[in-house]
Amino acid sequence: MKNTKHIELKALYIKNKSFDDEYFKKLMVDYITKFGKASHGEINELLNNKLSDALNEKQRFDKITNLLSALKRKKKIVFENHHWVLVKR
């Protein structure tokens, strides 16, 4: 019985840990590269099941917004016509 509890705790830890921000940013850039643009809703759908289960809906929205803002500050994406697109180089 003790081993089962450890296994459950390990799985819960991994689910709550999530991935690092660079992984999420890469997914977003890859998505925009493939489809040309992405709305906040599309990005939300892309990342929703990958974000930590410990986050509530507002925290998930804020996390995605912060990731998009970070990519914008690095001049990788811009917001045009209600969608995120890659910066033209």
PDB file of N, CA and C in Angstrom:
ATOM      1  N   MET A   1       0.816  -1.195   0.000  1.00  0.00           N
ATOM      2  CA  MET A   1       0.000   0.000   0.000  1.00  0.00           C
ATOM      3  C   MET A   1       0.864   1.265   0.000  1.00  0.00           C
ATOM      4  N   LYS A   2       1.967   1.209   0.707  1.00  0.00           N
ATOM      5  CA  LYS A   2       2.857   2.361   0.784  1.00  0.00           C
ATOM      6  C   LYS A   2       3.417   2.724  -0.598  1.00  0.00           C
ATOM      7  N   ASN A   3       3.803   1.718  -1.388  1.00  0.00           N
ATOM      8  CA  ASN A   3       4.329   1.957  -2.730  1.00  0.00           C
ATOM      9  C   ASN A   3       3.301   2.633  -3.624  1.00  0.00           C
ATOM     10  N   THR A   4       2.049   2.242  -3.516  1.00  0.00           N
ATOM     11  CA  THR A   4       0.993   2.844  -4.325  1.00  0.00           C
ATOM     12  C   THR A   4       0.902   4.335  -4.049  1.00  0.00           C
ATOM     13  N   LYS A   5       0.959   4.707  -2.791  1.00  0.00           N
ATOM     14  CA  LYS A   5       0.873   6.120  -2.431  1.00  0.00           C
ATOM     15  C   LYS A   5       2.050   6.899  -3.036  1.00  0.00           C
ATOM     16  N   HIS A   6       3.235   6.308  -2.984  1.00  0.00           N
ATOM     17  CA  HIS A   6       4.404   6.968  -3.571  1.00  0.00           C
ATOM     18  C   HIS A   6       4.221   7.162  -5.073  1.00  0.00           C
ATOM     19  N   ILE A   7       3.727   6.159  -5.756  1.00  0.00           N
ATOM     20  CA  ILE A   7       3.505   6.249  -7.198  1.00  0.00           C
ATOM     21  C   ILE A   7       2.501   7.355  -7.502  1.00  0.00           C
ATOM     22  N   GLU A   8       1.431   7.424  -6.738  1.00  0.00           N
ATOM     23  CA  GLU A   8       0.418   8.460  -6.943  1.00  0.00           C
ATOM     24  C   GLU A   8       1.003   9.847  -6.700  1.00  0.00           C
ATOM     25  N   LEU A   9       1.826   9.990  -5.665  1.00  0.00           N
ATOM     26  CA  LEU A   9       2.441  11.282  -5.370  1.00  0.00           C
ATOM     27  C   LEU A   9       3.414  11.700  -6.463  1.00  0.00           C
ATOM     28  N   LYS A  10       4.168  10.740  -6.985  1.00  0.00           N
ATOM     29  CA  LYS A  10       5.111  11.046  -8.069  1.00  0.00           C
ATOM     30  C   LYS A  10       4.370  11.528  -9.307  1.00  0.00           C
ATOM     31  N   ALA A  11       3.298  10.834  -9.660  1.00  0.00           N
ATOM     32  CA  ALA A  11       2.510  11.226 -10.835  1.00  0.00           C
ATOM     33  C   ALA A  11       1.879  12.596 -10.616  1.00  0.00           C
ATOM     34  N   LEU A  12       1.352  12.841  -9.428  1.00  0.00           N
ATOM     35  CA  LEU A  12       0.740  14.132  -9.117  1.00  0.00           C
ATOM     36  C   LEU A  12       1.779  15.251  -9.185  1.00  0.00           C
ATOM     37  N   TYR A  13       2.973  14.997  -8.697  1.00  0.00           N
ATOM     38  CA  TYR A  13       4.040  15.995  -8.758  1.00  0.00           C
ATOM     39  C   TYR A  13       4.339  16.389 -10.202  1.00  0.00           C
ATOM     40  N   ILE A  14       4.490  15.402 -11.058  1.00  0.00           N
ATOM     41  CA  ILE A  14       4.804  15.674 -12.469  1.00  0.00           C
ATOM     42  C   ILE A  14       3.659  16.440 -13.128  1.00  0.00           C
ATOM     43  N   LYS A  15       2.409  16.052 -12.857  1.00  0.00           N
ATOM     44  CA  LYS A  15       1.265  16.742 -13.455  1.00  0.00           C
ATOM     45  C   LYS A  15       1.196  18.197 -12.992  1.00  0.00           C
ATOM     46  N   ASN A  16       1.535  18.445 -11.735  1.00  0.00           N
ATOM     47  CA  ASN A  16       1.463  19.801 -11.206  1.00  0.00           C
ATOM     48  C   ASN A  16       2.677  20.633 -11.578  1.00  0.00           C
ATOM     49  N   LYS A  17       3.794  19.999 -11.886  1.00  0.00           N
ATOM     50  CA  LYS A  17       5.035  20.703 -12.207  1.00  0.00           C
ATOM     51  C   LYS A  17       4.934  21.438 -13.539  1.00  0.00           C
ATOM     52  N   SER A  18       4.330  20.816 -14.522  1.00  0.00           N
ATOM     53  CA  SER A  18       4.199  21.394 -15.846  1.00  0.00           C
ATOM     54  C   SER A  18       5.546  21.394 -16.566  1.00  0.00           C
ATOM     55  N   PHE A  19       5.610  22.105 -17.678  1.00  0.00           N
ATOM     56  CA  PHE A  19       6.837  22.240 -18.458  1.00  0.00           C
ATOM     57  C   PHE A  19       7.421  23.628 -18.228  1.00  0.00           C
ATOM     58  N   ASP A  20       8.608  23.878 -18.750  1.00  0.00           N
ATOM     59  CA  ASP A  20       9.179  25.210 -18.573  1.00  0.00           C
ATOM     60  C   ASP A  20       8.670  26.161 -19.656  1.00  0.00           C
ATOM     61  N   ASP A  21       8.848  27.450 -19.402  1.00  0.00           N
ATOM     62  CA  ASP A  21       8.307  28.480 -20.292  1.00  0.00           C
ATOM     63  C   ASP A  21       8.858  28.396 -21.710  1.00  0.00           C
ATOM     64  N   GLU A  22      10.120  28.025 -21.859  1.00  0.00           N
ATOM     65  CA  GLU A  22      10.712  27.947 -23.200  1.00  0.00           C
ATOM     66  C   GLU A  22      10.014  26.885 -24.045  1.00  0.00           C
ATOM     67  N   TYR A  23       9.608  25.801 -23.426  1.00  0.00           N
ATOM     68  CA  TYR A  23       8.863  24.759 -24.129  1.00  0.00           C
ATOM     69  C   TYR A  23       7.544  25.320 -24.654  1.00  0.00           C
ATOM     70  N   PHE A  24       6.817  26.062 -23.805  1.00  0.00           N
ATOM     71  CA  PHE A  24       5.542  26.646 -24.215  1.00  0.00           C
ATOM     72  C   PHE A  24       5.736  27.676 -25.332  1.00  0.00           C
ATOM     73  N   LYS A  25       6.764  28.493 -25.218  1.00  0.00           N
ATOM     74  CA  LYS A  25       7.037  29.502 -26.249  1.00  0.00           C
ATOM     75  C   LYS A  25       7.336  28.834 -27.585  1.00  0.00           C
ATOM     76  N   LYS A  26       8.109  27.756 -27.543  1.00  0.00           N
ATOM     77  CA  LYS A  26       8.419  27.033 -28.782  1.00  0.00           C
ATOM     78  C   LYS A  26       7.154  26.470 -29.405  1.00  0.00           C
ATOM     79  N   LEU A  27       6.275  25.900 -28.599  1.00  0.00           N
ATOM     80  CA  LEU A  27       5.010  25.381 -29.121  1.00  0.00           C
ATOM     81  C   LEU A  27       4.202  26.488 -29.798  1.00  0.00           C
ATOM     82  N   MET A  28       4.152  27.660 -29.170  1.00  0.00           N
ATOM     83  CA  MET A  28       3.378  28.766 -29.735  1.00  0.00           C
ATOM     84  C   MET A  28       3.975  29.239 -31.054  1.00  0.00           C
ATOM     85  N   VAL A  29       5.282  29.398 -31.102  1.00  0.00           N
ATOM     86  CA  VAL A  29       5.939  29.836 -32.337  1.00  0.00           C
ATOM     87  C   VAL A  29       5.768  28.784 -33.430  1.00  0.00           C
ATOM     88  N   ASP A  30       5.897  27.524 -33.072  1.00  0.00           N
ATOM     89  CA  ASP A  30       5.694  26.441 -34.049  1.00  0.00           C
ATOM     90  C   ASP A  30       4.268  26.470 -34.599  1.00  0.00           C
ATOM     91  N   TYR A  31       3.298  26.686 -33.727  1.00  0.00           N
ATOM     92  CA  TYR A  31       1.891  26.743 -34.153  1.00  0.00           C
ATOM     93  C   TYR A  31       1.678  27.907 -35.122  1.00  0.00           C
ATOM     94  N   ILE A  32       2.182  29.080 -34.761  1.00  0.00           N
ATOM     95  CA  ILE A  32       2.010  30.262 -35.618  1.00  0.00           C
ATOM     96  C   ILE A  32       2.755  30.077 -36.934  1.00  0.00           C
ATOM     97  N   THR A  33       3.917  29.469 -36.885  1.00  0.00           N
ATOM     98  CA  THR A  33       4.672  29.192 -38.113  1.00  0.00           C
ATOM     99  C   THR A  33       3.874  28.277 -39.037  1.00  0.00           C
ATOM    100  N   LYS A  34       3.294  27.242 -38.475  1.00  0.00           N
ATOM    101  CA  LYS A  34       2.549  26.256 -39.279  1.00  0.00           C
ATOM    102  C   LYS A  34       1.254  26.833 -39.848  1.00  0.00           C
ATOM    103  N   PHE A  35       0.516  27.607 -39.032  1.00  0.00           N
ATOM    104  CA  PHE A  35      -0.810  28.059 -39.448  1.00  0.00           C
ATOM    105  C   PHE A  35      -0.877  29.552 -39.804  1.00  0.00           C
ATOM    106  N   GLY A  36       0.244  30.262 -39.689  1.00  0.00           N
ATOM    107  CA  GLY A  36       0.298  31.650 -40.121  1.00  0.00           C
ATOM    108  C   GLY A  36      -0.167  32.667 -39.097  1.00  0.00           C
ATOM    109  N   LYS A  37      -1.034  32.253 -38.184  1.00  0.00           N
ATOM    110  CA  LYS A  37      -1.536  33.156 -37.157  1.00  0.00           C
ATOM    111  C   LYS A  37      -2.214  32.325 -36.076  1.00  0.00           C
ATOM    112  N   ALA A  38      -2.468  32.974 -34.925  1.00  0.00           N
ATOM    113  CA  ALA A  38      -3.165  32.284 -33.841  1.00  0.00           C
ATOM    114  C   ALA A  38      -3.870  33.300 -32.956  1.00  0.00           C
ATOM    115  N   SER A  39      -5.092  32.996 -32.590  1.00  0.00           N
ATOM    116  CA  SER A  39      -5.817  33.824 -31.623  1.00  0.00           C
ATOM    117  C   SER A  39      -5.430  33.374 -30.218  1.00  0.00           C
ATOM    118  N   HIS A  40      -5.792  34.179 -29.232  1.00  0.00           N
ATOM    119  CA  HIS A  40      -5.526  33.793 -27.846  1.00  0.00           C
ATOM    120  C   HIS A  40      -6.242  32.477 -27.543  1.00  0.00           C
ATOM    121  N   GLY A  41      -7.440  32.311 -28.059  1.00  0.00           N
ATOM    122  CA  GLY A  41      -8.199  31.083 -27.851  1.00  0.00           C
ATOM    123  C   GLY A  41      -7.509  29.864 -28.430  1.00  0.00           C
ATOM    124  N   GLU A  42      -6.917  30.023 -29.600  1.00  0.00           N
ATOM    125  CA  GLU A  42      -6.193  28.905 -30.218  1.00  0.00           C
ATOM    126  C   GLU A  42      -4.963  28.534 -29.393  1.00  0.00           C
ATOM    127  N   ILE A  43      -4.257  29.549 -28.902  1.00  0.00           N
ATOM    128  CA  ILE A  43      -3.089  29.294 -28.055  1.00  0.00           C
ATOM    129  C   ILE A  43      -3.537  28.622 -26.762  1.00  0.00           C
ATOM    130  N   ASN A  44      -4.651  29.089 -26.214  1.00  0.00           N
ATOM    131  CA  ASN A  44      -5.196  28.480 -25.004  1.00  0.00           C
ATOM    132  C   ASN A  44      -5.487  26.998 -25.240  1.00  0.00           C
ATOM    133  N   GLU A  45      -6.112  26.691 -26.345  1.00  0.00           N
ATOM    134  CA  GLU A  45      -6.429  25.293 -26.686  1.00  0.00           C
ATOM    135  C   GLU A  45      -5.157  24.467 -26.847  1.00  0.00           C
ATOM    136  N   LEU A  46      -4.145  25.059 -27.451  1.00  0.00           N
ATOM    137  CA  LEU A  46      -2.868  24.383 -27.657  1.00  0.00           C
ATOM    138  C   LEU A  46      -2.198  24.017 -26.340  1.00  0.00           C
ATOM    139  N   LEU A  47      -2.210  24.942 -25.386  1.00  0.00           N
ATOM    140  CA  LEU A  47      -1.448  24.761 -24.151  1.00  0.00           C
ATOM    141  C   LEU A  47      -2.256  24.236 -22.975  1.00  0.00           C
ATOM    142  N   ASN A  48      -3.559  24.301 -23.056  1.00  0.00           N
ATOM    143  CA  ASN A  48      -4.403  24.031 -21.897  1.00  0.00           C
ATOM    144  C   ASN A  48      -4.087  22.707 -21.195  1.00  0.00           C
ATOM    145  N   ASN A  49      -3.939  21.629 -21.928  1.00  0.00           N
ATOM    146  CA  ASN A  49      -3.693  20.341 -21.263  1.00  0.00           C
ATOM    147  C   ASN A  49      -2.225  20.134 -20.904  1.00  0.00           C
ATOM    148  N   LYS A  50      -1.374  21.083 -21.254  1.00  0.00           N
ATOM    149  CA  LYS A  50       0.042  20.984 -20.926  1.00  0.00           C
ATOM    150  C   LYS A  50       0.410  21.818 -19.705  1.00  0.00           C
ATOM    151  N   LEU A  51      -0.432  22.788 -19.360  1.00  0.00           N
ATOM    152  CA  LEU A  51      -0.172  23.616 -18.191  1.00  0.00           C
ATOM    153  C   LEU A  51      -0.432  22.826 -16.917  1.00  0.00           C
ATOM    154  N   SER A  52       0.172  23.263 -15.844  1.00  0.00           N
ATOM    155  CA  SER A  52       0.044  22.584 -14.560  1.00  0.00           C
ATOM    156  C   SER A  52      -1.415  22.474 -14.121  1.00  0.00           C
ATOM    157  N   ASP A  53      -1.767  21.317 -13.601  1.00  0.00           N
ATOM    158  CA  ASP A  53      -3.111  21.114 -13.057  1.00  0.00           C
ATOM    159  C   ASP A  53      -3.337  21.956 -11.806  1.00  0.00           C
ATOM    160  N   ALA A  54      -2.272  22.477 -11.225  1.00  0.00           N
ATOM    161  CA  ALA A  54      -2.389  23.298 -10.021  1.00  0.00           C
ATOM    162  C   ALA A  54      -2.914  24.704 -10.329  1.00  0.00           C
ATOM    163  N   LEU A  55      -2.911  25.102 -11.614  1.00  0.00           N
ATOM    164  CA  LEU A  55      -3.367  26.438 -11.998  1.00  0.00           C
ATOM    165  C   LEU A  55      -4.878  26.462 -12.201  1.00  0.00           C
ATOM    166  N   ASN A  56      -5.517  27.529 -11.716  1.00  0.00           N
ATOM    167  CA  ASN A  56      -6.942  27.702 -12.001  1.00  0.00           C
ATOM    168  C   ASN A  56      -7.088  28.399 -13.363  1.00  0.00           C
ATOM    169  N   GLU A  57      -8.317  28.618 -13.808  1.00  0.00           N
ATOM    170  CA  GLU A  57      -8.553  29.185 -15.145  1.00  0.00           C
ATOM    171  C   GLU A  57      -7.923  30.563 -15.317  1.00  0.00           C
ATOM    172  N   LYS A  58      -8.056  31.430 -14.315  1.00  0.00           N
ATOM    173  CA  LYS A  58      -7.461  32.770 -14.408  1.00  0.00           C
ATOM    174  C   LYS A  58      -5.938  32.679 -14.481  1.00  0.00           C
ATOM    175  N   GLN A  59      -5.358  31.814 -13.664  1.00  0.00           N
ATOM    176  CA  GLN A  59      -3.910  31.638 -13.688  1.00  0.00           C
ATOM    177  C   GLN A  59      -3.429  31.095 -15.032  1.00  0.00           C
ATOM    178  N   ARG A  60      -4.197  30.207 -15.629  1.00  0.00           N
ATOM    179  CA  ARG A  60      -3.848  29.676 -16.953  1.00  0.00           C
ATOM    180  C   ARG A  60      -3.892  30.797 -18.002  1.00  0.00           C
ATOM    181  N   PHE A  61      -4.961  31.601 -17.959  1.00  0.00           N
ATOM    182  CA  PHE A  61      -5.093  32.723 -18.887  1.00  0.00           C
ATOM    183  C   PHE A  61      -3.917  33.688 -18.715  1.00  0.00           C
ATOM    184  N   ASP A  62      -3.602  34.017 -17.465  1.00  0.00           N
ATOM    185  CA  ASP A  62      -2.496  34.937 -17.180  1.00  0.00           C
ATOM    186  C   ASP A  62      -1.159  34.358 -17.644  1.00  0.00           C
ATOM    187  N   LYS A  63      -0.958  33.074 -17.433  1.00  0.00           N
ATOM    188  CA  LYS A  63       0.291  32.421 -17.852  1.00  0.00           C
ATOM    189  C   LYS A  63       0.459  32.522 -19.369  1.00  0.00           C
ATOM    190  N   ILE A  64      -0.595  32.228 -20.100  1.00  0.00           N
ATOM    191  CA  ILE A  64      -0.537  32.303 -21.560  1.00  0.00           C
ATOM    192  C   ILE A  64      -0.307  33.743 -22.008  1.00  0.00           C
ATOM    193  N   THR A  65      -0.991  34.688 -21.378  1.00  0.00           N
ATOM    194  CA  THR A  65      -0.808  36.103 -21.709  1.00  0.00           C
ATOM    195  C   THR A  65       0.634  36.525 -21.468  1.00  0.00           C
ATOM    196  N   ASN A  66       1.214  36.094 -20.358  1.00  0.00           N
ATOM    197  CA  ASN A  66       2.607  36.436 -20.052  1.00  0.00           C
ATOM    198  C   ASN A  66       3.577  35.814 -21.056  1.00  0.00           C
ATOM    199  N   LEU A  67       3.310  34.597 -21.472  1.00  0.00           N
ATOM    200  CA  LEU A  67       4.167  33.957 -22.473  1.00  0.00           C
ATOM    201  C   LEU A  67       4.099  34.686 -23.812  1.00  0.00           C
ATOM    202  N   LEU A  68       2.890  35.064 -24.217  1.00  0.00           N
ATOM    203  CA  LEU A  68       2.722  35.827 -25.461  1.00  0.00           C
ATOM    204  C   LEU A  68       3.436  37.176 -25.357  1.00  0.00           C
ATOM    205  N   SER A  69       3.311  37.833 -24.228  1.00  0.00           N
ATOM    206  CA  SER A  69       3.972  39.132 -24.020  1.00  0.00           C
ATOM    207  C   SER A  69       5.493  38.986 -24.084  1.00  0.00           C
ATOM    208  N   ALA A  70       6.010  37.909 -23.535  1.00  0.00           N
ATOM    209  CA  ALA A  70       7.457  37.680 -23.571  1.00  0.00           C
ATOM    210  C   ALA A  70       7.939  37.504 -25.012  1.00  0.00           C
ATOM    211  N   LEU A  71       7.183  36.769 -25.812  1.00  0.00           N
ATOM    212  CA  LEU A  71       7.545  36.610 -27.228  1.00  0.00           C
ATOM    213  C   LEU A  71       7.445  37.935 -27.976  1.00  0.00           C
ATOM    214  N   LYS A  72       6.463  38.734 -27.610  1.00  0.00           N
ATOM    215  CA  LYS A  72       6.313  40.058 -28.237  1.00  0.00           C
ATOM    216  C   LYS A  72       7.498  40.954 -27.879  1.00  0.00           C
ATOM    217  N   ARG A  73       7.899  40.953 -26.610  1.00  0.00           N
ATOM    218  CA  ARG A  73       9.048  41.772 -26.183  1.00  0.00           C
ATOM    219  C   ARG A  73      10.329  41.356 -26.891  1.00  0.00           C
ATOM    220  N   LYS A  74      10.459  40.062 -27.207  1.00  0.00           N
ATOM    221  CA  LYS A  74      11.644  39.569 -27.920  1.00  0.00           C
ATOM    222  C   LYS A  74      11.519  39.767 -29.426  1.00  0.00           C
ATOM    223  N   LYS A  75      10.414  40.416 -29.832  1.00  0.00           N
ATOM    224  CA  LYS A  75      10.164  40.728 -31.233  1.00  0.00           C
ATOM    225  C   LYS A  75      10.075  39.477 -32.114  1.00  0.00           C
ATOM    226  N   LYS A  76       9.486  38.431 -31.557  1.00  0.00           N
ATOM    227  CA  LYS A  76       9.253  37.208 -32.328  1.00  0.00           C
ATOM    228  C   LYS A  76       7.842  37.185 -32.901  1.00  0.00           C
ATOM    229  N   ILE A  77       6.884  37.803 -32.189  1.00  0.00           N
ATOM    230  CA  ILE A  77       5.500  37.852 -32.648  1.00  0.00           C
ATOM    231  C   ILE A  77       4.935  39.252 -32.437  1.00  0.00           C
ATOM    232  N   VAL A  78       3.876  39.563 -33.186  1.00  0.00           N
ATOM    233  CA  VAL A  78       3.133  40.820 -33.016  1.00  0.00           C
ATOM    234  C   VAL A  78       1.642  40.495 -33.088  1.00  0.00           C
ATOM    235  N   PHE A  79       0.842  41.397 -32.536  1.00  0.00           N
ATOM    236  CA  PHE A  79      -0.608  41.221 -32.544  1.00  0.00           C
ATOM    237  C   PHE A  79      -1.189  42.084 -33.656  1.00  0.00           C
ATOM    238  N   GLU A  80      -1.789  41.446 -34.656  1.00  0.00           N
ATOM    239  CA  GLU A  80      -2.381  42.151 -35.797  1.00  0.00           C
ATOM    240  C   GLU A  80      -3.747  41.556 -36.100  1.00  0.00           C
ATOM    241  N   ASN A  81      -4.735  42.424 -36.267  1.00  0.00           N
ATOM    242  CA  ASN A  81      -6.079  41.982 -36.663  1.00  0.00           C
ATOM    243  C   ASN A  81      -6.616  40.846 -35.787  1.00  0.00           C
ATOM    244  N   HIS A  82      -6.468  41.003 -34.486  1.00  0.00           N
ATOM    245  CA  HIS A  82      -7.003  40.050 -33.500  1.00  0.00           C
ATOM    246  C   HIS A  82      -6.288  38.705 -33.478  1.00  0.00           C
ATOM    247  N   HIS A  83      -5.097  38.638 -34.053  1.00  0.00           N
ATOM    248  CA  HIS A  83      -4.319  37.393 -34.083  1.00  0.00           C
ATOM    249  C   HIS A  83      -2.838  37.678 -33.835  1.00  0.00           C
ATOM    250  N   TRP A  84      -2.164  36.691 -33.298  1.00  0.00           N
ATOM    251  CA  TRP A  84      -0.720  36.753 -33.164  1.00  0.00           C
ATOM    252  C   TRP A  84      -0.088  36.206 -34.447  1.00  0.00           C
ATOM    253  N   VAL A  85       0.894  36.927 -34.970  1.00  0.00           N
ATOM    254  CA  VAL A  85       1.618  36.498 -36.175  1.00  0.00           C
ATOM    255  C   VAL A  85       3.107  36.662 -35.928  1.00  0.00           C
ATOM    256  N   LEU A  86       3.915  35.966 -36.713  1.00  0.00           N
ATOM    257  CA  LEU A  86       5.365  36.102 -36.609  1.00  0.00           C
ATOM    258  C   LEU A  86       5.803  37.457 -37.137  1.00  0.00           C
ATOM    259  N   VAL A  87       6.856  37.985 -36.541  1.00  0.00           N
ATOM    260  CA  VAL A  87       7.449  39.232 -37.031  1.00  0.00           C
ATOM    261  C   VAL A  87       8.118  38.925 -38.353  1.00  0.00           C
ATOM    262  N   LYS A  88       7.865  39.751 -39.336  1.00  0.00           N
ATOM    263  CA  LYS A  88       8.501  39.561 -40.656  1.00  0.00           C
ATOM    264  C   LYS A  88       9.937  40.055 -40.578  1.00  0.00           C
ATOM    265  N   ARG A  89      10.825  39.252 -41.067  1.00  0.00           N
ATOM    266  CA  ARG A  89      12.257  39.623 -41.014  1.00  0.00           C
ATOM    267  C   ARG A  89      12.780  39.831 -42.407  1.00  0.00           C
TER     268      ARG A  89
END
